[in-house]
All heavy atoms as atom14 arrays in JSON, in Angstrom:
{
  "sequence": "GLQLGLSLLAPGRLRRETALREAAWKGARLA",
  "atom14_mask": [
    [1, 1, 1, 1, 0, 0, 0, 0, 0, 0, 0, 0, 0, 0],
    [1, 1, 1, 1, 1, 1, 1, 1, 0, 0, 0, 0, 0, 0],
    [1, 1, 1, 1, 1, 1, 1, 1, 1, 0, 0, 0, 0, 0],
    [1, 1, 1, 1, 1, 1, 1, 1, 0, 0, 0, 0, 0, 0],
    [1, 1, 1, 1, 0, 0, 0, 0, 0, 0, 0, 0, 0, 0],
    [1, 1, 1, 1, 1, 1, 1, 1, 0, 0, 0, 0, 0, 0],
    [1, 1, 1, 1, 1, 1, 0, 0, 0, 0, 0, 0, 0, 0],
    [1, 1, 1, 1, 1, 1, 1, 1, 0, 0, 0, 0, 0, 0],
    [1, 1, 1, 1, 1, 1, 1, 1, 0, 0, 0, 0, 0, 0],
    [1, 1, 1, 1, 1, 0, 0, 0, 0, 0, 0, 0, 0, 0],
    [1, 1, 1, 1, 1, 1, 1, 0, 0, 0, 0, 0, 0, 0],
    [1, 1, 1, 1, 0, 0, 0, 0, 0, 0, 0, 0, 0, 0],
    [1, 1, 1, 1, 1, 1, 1, 1, 1, 1, 1, 0, 0, 0],
    [1, 1, 1, 1, 1, 1, 1, 1, 0, 0, 0, 0, 0, 0],
    [1, 1, 1, 1, 1, 1, 1, 1, 1, 1, 1, 0, 0, 0],
    [1, 1, 1, 1, 1, 1, 1, 1, 1, 1, 1, 0, 0, 0],
    [1, 1, 1, 1, 1, 1, 1, 1, 1, 0, 0, 0, 0, 0],
    [1, 1, 1, 1, 1, 1, 1, 0, 0, 0, 0, 0, 0, 0],
    [1, 1, 1, 1, 1, 0, 0, 0, 0, 0, 0, 0, 0, 0],
    [1, 1, 1, 1, 1, 1, 1, 1, 0, 0, 0, 0, 0, 0],
    [1, 1, 1, 1, 1, 1, 1, 1, 1, 1, 1, 0, 0, 0],
    [1, 1, 1, 1, 1, 1, 1, 1, 1, 0, 0, 0, 0, 0],
    [1, 1, 1, 1, 1, 0, 0, 0, 0, 0, 0, 0, 0, 0],
    [1, 1, 1, 1, 1, 0, 0, 0, 0, 0, 0, 0, 0, 0],
    [1, 1, 1, 1, 1, 1, 1, 1, 1, 1, 1, 1, 1, 1],
    [1, 1, 1, 1, 1, 1, 1, 1, 1, 0, 0, 0, 0, 0],
    [1, 1, 1, 1, 0, 0, 0, 0, 0, 0, 0, 0, 0, 0],
    [1, 1, 1, 1, 1, 0, 0, 0, 0, 0, 0, 0, 0, 0],
    [1, 1, 1, 1, 1, 1, 1, 1, 1, 1, 1, 0, 0, 0],
    [1, 1, 1, 1, 1, 1, 1, 1, 0, 0, 0, 0, 0, 0],
    [1, 1, 1, 1, 1, 0, 0, 0, 0, 0, 0, 0, 0, 0]
  ],
  "atom14_positions": [
    [[102.52, 116.67, 93.86], [101.31, 116.84, 94.67], [100.28, 115.76, 94.39], [99.61, 115.27, 95.32], [0.0, 0.0, 0.0], [0.0, 0.0, 0.0], [0.0, 0.0, 0.0], [0.0, 0.0, 0.0], [0.0, 0.0, 0.0], [0.0, 0.0, 0.0], [0.0, 0.0, 0.0], [0.0, 0.0, 0.0], [0.0, 0.0, 0.0], [0.0, 0.0, 0.0]],
    [[100.15, 115.36, 93.13], [99.19, 114.31, 92.79], [99.57, 112.97, 93.4], [98.72, 112.23, 93.91], [99.09, 114.19, 91.26], [98.43, 115.36, 90.53], [98.54, 115.16, 89.02], [96.97, 115.52, 90.93], [0.0, 0.0, 0.0], [0.0, 0.0, 0.0], [0.0, 0.0, 0.0], [0.0, 0.0, 0.0], [0.0, 0.0, 0.0], [0.0, 0.0, 0.0]],
    [[100.85, 112.63, 93.35], [101.26, 111.35, 93.94], [101.15, 111.39, 95.46], [100.9, 110.38, 96.1], [102.67, 110.96, 93.47], [103.81, 111.86, 93.92], [104.5, 111.36, 95.17], [104.45, 110.17, 95.46], [105.11, 112.26, 95.91], [0.0, 0.0, 0.0], [0.0, 0.0, 0.0], [0.0, 0.0, 0.0], [0.0, 0.0, 0.0], [0.0, 0.0, 0.0]],
    [[101.27, 112.57, 96.04], [101.06, 112.72, 97.48], [99.6, 112.44, 97.83], [99.29, 111.73, 98.8], [101.45, 114.14, 97.9], [101.68, 114.42, 99.39], [102.84, 113.59, 99.91], [101.96, 115.9, 99.6], [0.0, 0.0, 0.0], [0.0, 0.0, 0.0], [0.0, 0.0, 0.0], [0.0, 0.0, 0.0], [0.0, 0.0, 0.0], [0.0, 0.0, 0.0]],
    [[98.69, 113.0, 97.02], [97.27, 112.78, 97.26], [96.86, 111.34, 97.05], [96.05, 110.79, 97.81], [0.0, 0.0, 0.0], [0.0, 0.0, 0.0], [0.0, 0.0, 0.0], [0.0, 0.0, 0.0], [0.0, 0.0, 0.0], [0.0, 0.0, 0.0], [0.0, 0.0, 0.0], [0.0, 0.0, 0.0], [0.0, 0.0, 0.0], [0.0, 0.0, 0.0]],
    [[97.43, 110.69, 96.03], [97.07, 109.3, 95.75], [97.52, 108.37, 96.87], [96.87, 107.35, 97.14], [97.68, 108.85, 94.42], [97.21, 107.49, 93.91], [95.71, 107.53, 93.6], [97.98, 107.08, 92.66], [0.0, 0.0, 0.0], [0.0, 0.0, 0.0], [0.0, 0.0, 0.0], [0.0, 0.0, 0.0], [0.0, 0.0, 0.0], [0.0, 0.0, 0.0]],
    [[98.63, 108.72, 97.52], [99.09, 107.88, 98.63], [98.08, 107.87, 99.77], [98.03, 106.91, 100.55], [100.45, 108.38, 99.13], [100.31, 109.63, 99.8], [0.0, 0.0, 0.0], [0.0, 0.0, 0.0], [0.0, 0.0, 0.0], [0.0, 0.0, 0.0], [0.0, 0.0, 0.0], [0.0, 0.0, 0.0], [0.0, 0.0, 0.0], [0.0, 0.0, 0.0]],
    [[97.29, 108.93, 99.89], [96.25, 108.98, 100.91], [95.0, 108.24, 100.46], [94.34, 107.56, 101.25], [95.9, 110.43, 101.24], [96.96, 111.24, 101.98], [96.58, 112.71, 102.02], [97.16, 110.71, 103.39], [0.0, 0.0, 0.0], [0.0, 0.0, 0.0], [0.0, 0.0, 0.0], [0.0, 0.0, 0.0], [0.0, 0.0, 0.0], [0.0, 0.0, 0.0]],
    [[94.68, 108.38, 99.18], [93.47, 107.75, 98.65], [93.64, 106.26, 98.45], [92.73, 105.47, 98.72], [93.08, 108.41, 97.32], [92.46, 109.81, 97.4], [92.32, 110.39, 96.0], [91.11, 109.75, 98.1], [0.0, 0.0, 0.0], [0.0, 0.0, 0.0], [0.0, 0.0, 0.0], [0.0, 0.0, 0.0], [0.0, 0.0, 0.0], [0.0, 0.0, 0.0]],
    [[94.79, 105.86, 97.93], [95.01, 104.45, 97.6], [96.41, 104.03, 98.06], [97.34, 103.94, 97.25], [94.85, 104.23, 96.09], [0.0, 0.0, 0.0], [0.0, 0.0, 0.0], [0.0, 0.0, 0.0], [0.0, 0.0, 0.0], [0.0, 0.0, 0.0], [0.0, 0.0, 0.0], [0.0, 0.0, 0.0], [0.0, 0.0, 0.0], [0.0, 0.0, 0.0]],
    [[96.58, 103.78, 99.36], [97.92, 103.41, 99.86], [98.36, 102.01, 99.49], [99.51, 101.64, 99.73], [97.75, 103.54, 101.38], [96.29, 103.3, 101.62], [95.59, 103.87, 100.42], [0.0, 0.0, 0.0], [0.0, 0.0, 0.0], [0.0, 0.0, 0.0], [0.0, 0.0, 0.0], [0.0, 0.0, 0.0], [0.0, 0.0, 0.0], [0.0, 0.0, 0.0]],
    [[97.47, 101.23, 98.87], [97.84, 99.86, 98.5], [97.96, 98.97, 99.71], [97.16, 99.03, 100.65], [0.0, 0.0, 0.0], [0.0, 0.0, 0.0], [0.0, 0.0, 0.0], [0.0, 0.0, 0.0], [0.0, 0.0, 0.0], [0.0, 0.0, 0.0], [0.0, 0.0, 0.0], [0.0, 0.0, 0.0], [0.0, 0.0, 0.0], [0.0, 0.0, 0.0]],
    [[99.01, 98.16, 99.73], [99.21, 97.23, 100.83], [99.85, 97.89, 102.04], [99.94, 97.28, 103.11], [100.07, 96.05, 100.37], [99.41, 95.22, 99.27], [100.29, 94.04, 98.89], [99.67, 93.21, 97.87], [100.22, 92.12, 97.36], [101.42, 91.72, 97.79], [99.58, 91.42, 96.43], [0.0, 0.0, 0.0], [0.0, 0.0, 0.0], [0.0, 0.0, 0.0]],
    [[100.33, 99.1, 101.87], [100.97, 99.8, 102.96], [99.92, 100.46, 103.85], [98.81, 100.77, 103.42], [101.92, 100.88, 102.43], [103.08, 100.42, 101.55], [103.84, 101.62, 101.03], [104.02, 99.51, 102.34], [0.0, 0.0, 0.0], [0.0, 0.0, 0.0], [0.0, 0.0, 0.0], [0.0, 0.0, 0.0], [0.0, 0.0, 0.0], [0.0, 0.0, 0.0]],
    [[100.3, 100.7, 105.09], [99.46, 101.51, 105.95], [99.45, 102.93, 105.41], [100.43, 103.39, 104.83], [100.0, 101.5, 107.38], [99.94, 100.15, 108.06], [100.53, 100.23, 109.44], [99.85, 101.24, 110.26], [100.28, 101.62, 111.46], [101.4, 101.1, 111.96], [99.62, 102.52, 112.15], [0.0, 0.0, 0.0], [0.0, 0.0, 0.0], [0.0, 0.0, 0.0]],
    [[98.34, 103.62, 105.6], [98.2, 104.97, 105.02], [99.32, 105.89, 105.52], [99.86, 106.69, 104.77], [96.83, 105.54, 105.34], [96.55, 106.87, 104.68], [95.09, 107.25, 104.74], [94.33, 106.64, 103.64], [93.55, 105.59, 103.76], [93.42, 105.0, 104.93], [92.88, 105.1, 102.73], [0.0, 0.0, 0.0], [0.0, 0.0, 0.0], [0.0, 0.0, 0.0]],
    [[99.69, 105.76, 106.77], [100.75, 106.59, 107.33], [102.08, 106.31, 106.66], [102.84, 107.22, 106.32], [100.85, 106.34, 108.84], [101.94, 107.15, 109.53], [102.07, 106.8, 111.0], [101.22, 106.03, 111.51], [103.01, 107.3, 111.63], [0.0, 0.0, 0.0], [0.0, 0.0, 0.0], [0.0, 0.0, 0.0], [0.0, 0.0, 0.0], [0.0, 0.0, 0.0]],
    [[102.37, 105.01, 106.44], [103.63, 104.63, 105.8], [103.66, 105.09, 104.35], [104.67, 105.62, 103.87], [103.81, 103.11, 105.86], [103.77, 102.68, 107.22], [105.14, 102.7, 105.24], [0.0, 0.0, 0.0], [0.0, 0.0, 0.0], [0.0, 0.0, 0.0], [0.0, 0.0, 0.0], [0.0, 0.0, 0.0], [0.0, 0.0, 0.0], [0.0, 0.0, 0.0]],
    [[102.55, 104.89, 103.64], [102.47, 105.32, 102.24], [102.65, 106.83, 102.12], [103.34, 107.32, 101.21], [101.14, 104.89, 101.64], [0.0, 0.0, 0.0], [0.0, 0.0, 0.0], [0.0, 0.0, 0.0], [0.0, 0.0, 0.0], [0.0, 0.0, 0.0], [0.0, 0.0, 0.0], [0.0, 0.0, 0.0], [0.0, 0.0, 0.0], [0.0, 0.0, 0.0]],
    [[102.03, 107.57, 103.04], [102.16, 109.03, 103.0], [103.58, 109.47, 103.28], [104.1, 110.38, 102.64], [101.21, 109.66, 104.02], [101.26, 111.19, 104.13], [100.91, 111.83, 102.8], [100.33, 111.68, 105.23], [0.0, 0.0, 0.0], [0.0, 0.0, 0.0], [0.0, 0.0, 0.0], [0.0, 0.0, 0.0], [0.0, 0.0, 0.0], [0.0, 0.0, 0.0]],
    [[104.24, 108.79, 104.21], [105.62, 109.14, 104.54], [106.54, 108.92, 103.34], [107.38, 109.78, 103.02], [106.1, 108.32, 105.73], [107.45, 108.78, 106.28], [107.95, 107.89, 107.39], [106.99, 107.78, 108.48], [106.36, 106.67, 108.82], [106.57, 105.55, 108.13], [105.51, 106.64, 109.81], [0.0, 0.0, 0.0], [0.0, 0.0, 0.0], [0.0, 0.0, 0.0]],
    [[106.37, 107.8, 102.66], [107.2, 107.51, 101.49], [106.89, 108.49, 100.36], [107.81, 108.98, 99.68], [106.96, 106.07, 101.02], [107.48, 105.03, 101.98], [107.34, 103.62, 101.43], [106.87, 103.48, 100.27], [107.69, 102.66, 102.14], [0.0, 0.0, 0.0], [0.0, 0.0, 0.0], [0.0, 0.0, 0.0], [0.0, 0.0, 0.0], [0.0, 0.0, 0.0]],
    [[105.61, 108.78, 100.14], [105.23, 109.72, 99.09], [105.74, 111.13, 99.4], [106.15, 111.87, 98.51], [103.72, 109.74, 98.91], [0.0, 0.0, 0.0], [0.0, 0.0, 0.0], [0.0, 0.0, 0.0], [0.0, 0.0, 0.0], [0.0, 0.0, 0.0], [0.0, 0.0, 0.0], [0.0, 0.0, 0.0], [0.0, 0.0, 0.0], [0.0, 0.0, 0.0]],
    [[105.72, 111.5, 100.68], [106.18, 112.83, 101.07], [107.68, 112.97, 100.83], [108.15, 114.02, 100.38], [105.86, 113.09, 102.54], [0.0, 0.0, 0.0], [0.0, 0.0, 0.0], [0.0, 0.0, 0.0], [0.0, 0.0, 0.0], [0.0, 0.0, 0.0], [0.0, 0.0, 0.0], [0.0, 0.0, 0.0], [0.0, 0.0, 0.0], [0.0, 0.0, 0.0]],
    [[108.44, 111.92, 101.12], [109.88, 111.96, 100.9], [110.19, 112.07, 99.41], [111.01, 112.89, 98.99], [110.54, 110.72, 101.49], [111.99, 110.54, 101.14], [112.54, 109.5, 100.46], [113.07, 111.43, 101.44], [113.89, 109.68, 100.31], [114.24, 110.86, 100.9], [113.16, 112.64, 102.1], [115.49, 111.47, 101.02], [114.4, 113.26, 102.21], [115.54, 112.67, 101.68]],
    [[109.51, 111.28, 98.62], [109.71, 111.34, 97.17], [109.24, 112.69, 96.62], [109.92, 113.32, 95.8], [108.94, 110.2, 96.49], [109.18, 110.1, 94.99], [108.31, 109.0, 94.38], [108.65, 107.64, 94.93], [107.85, 106.57, 94.27], [0.0, 0.0, 0.0], [0.0, 0.0, 0.0], [0.0, 0.0, 0.0], [0.0, 0.0, 0.0], [0.0, 0.0, 0.0]],
    [[108.08, 113.15, 97.08], [107.55, 114.42, 96.62], [108.42, 115.59, 97.01], [108.57, 116.55, 96.25], [0.0, 0.0, 0.0], [0.0, 0.0, 0.0], [0.0, 0.0, 0.0], [0.0, 0.0, 0.0], [0.0, 0.0, 0.0], [0.0, 0.0, 0.0], [0.0, 0.0, 0.0], [0.0, 0.0, 0.0], [0.0, 0.0, 0.0], [0.0, 0.0, 0.0]],
    [[109.01, 115.52, 98.2], [109.89, 116.61, 98.64], [111.11, 116.73, 97.74], [111.56, 117.84, 97.43], [110.32, 116.37, 100.09], [0.0, 0.0, 0.0], [0.0, 0.0, 0.0], [0.0, 0.0, 0.0], [0.0, 0.0, 0.0], [0.0, 0.0, 0.0], [0.0, 0.0, 0.0], [0.0, 0.0, 0.0], [0.0, 0.0, 0.0], [0.0, 0.0, 0.0]],
    [[111.65, 115.6, 97.3], [112.81, 115.65, 96.4], [112.41, 116.18, 95.03], [113.16, 116.93, 94.39], [113.45, 114.27, 96.29], [114.17, 113.84, 97.56], [114.96, 112.58, 97.34], [114.07, 111.44, 97.12], [114.44, 110.31, 96.53], [115.66, 110.19, 96.03], [113.58, 109.32, 96.39], [0.0, 0.0, 0.0], [0.0, 0.0, 0.0], [0.0, 0.0, 0.0]],
    [[111.22, 115.79, 94.56], [110.74, 116.33, 93.3], [110.52, 117.84, 93.41], [110.89, 118.61, 92.51], [109.42, 115.65, 92.9], [109.52, 114.23, 92.36], [108.15, 113.58, 92.31], [110.15, 114.23, 90.97], [0.0, 0.0, 0.0], [0.0, 0.0, 0.0], [0.0, 0.0, 0.0], [0.0, 0.0, 0.0], [0.0, 0.0, 0.0], [0.0, 0.0, 0.0]],
    [[109.94, 118.27, 94.53], [109.7, 119.7, 94.73], [111.02, 120.47, 94.83], [111.14, 121.59, 94.31], [108.86, 119.92, 95.99], [0.0, 0.0, 0.0], [0.0, 0.0, 0.0], [0.0, 0.0, 0.0], [0.0, 0.0, 0.0], [0.0, 0.0, 0.0], [0.0, 0.0, 0.0], [0.0, 0.0, 0.0], [0.0, 0.0, 0.0], [0.0, 0.0, 0.0]]
  ]
}
């Protein structure tokens, strides 16, 4: 959940939508 939230706050060089999608996929596997 924390890495999901950070992808929204600080997506880095990625677009926020892309960062969220990648974080959601990773987070879903962790969950």
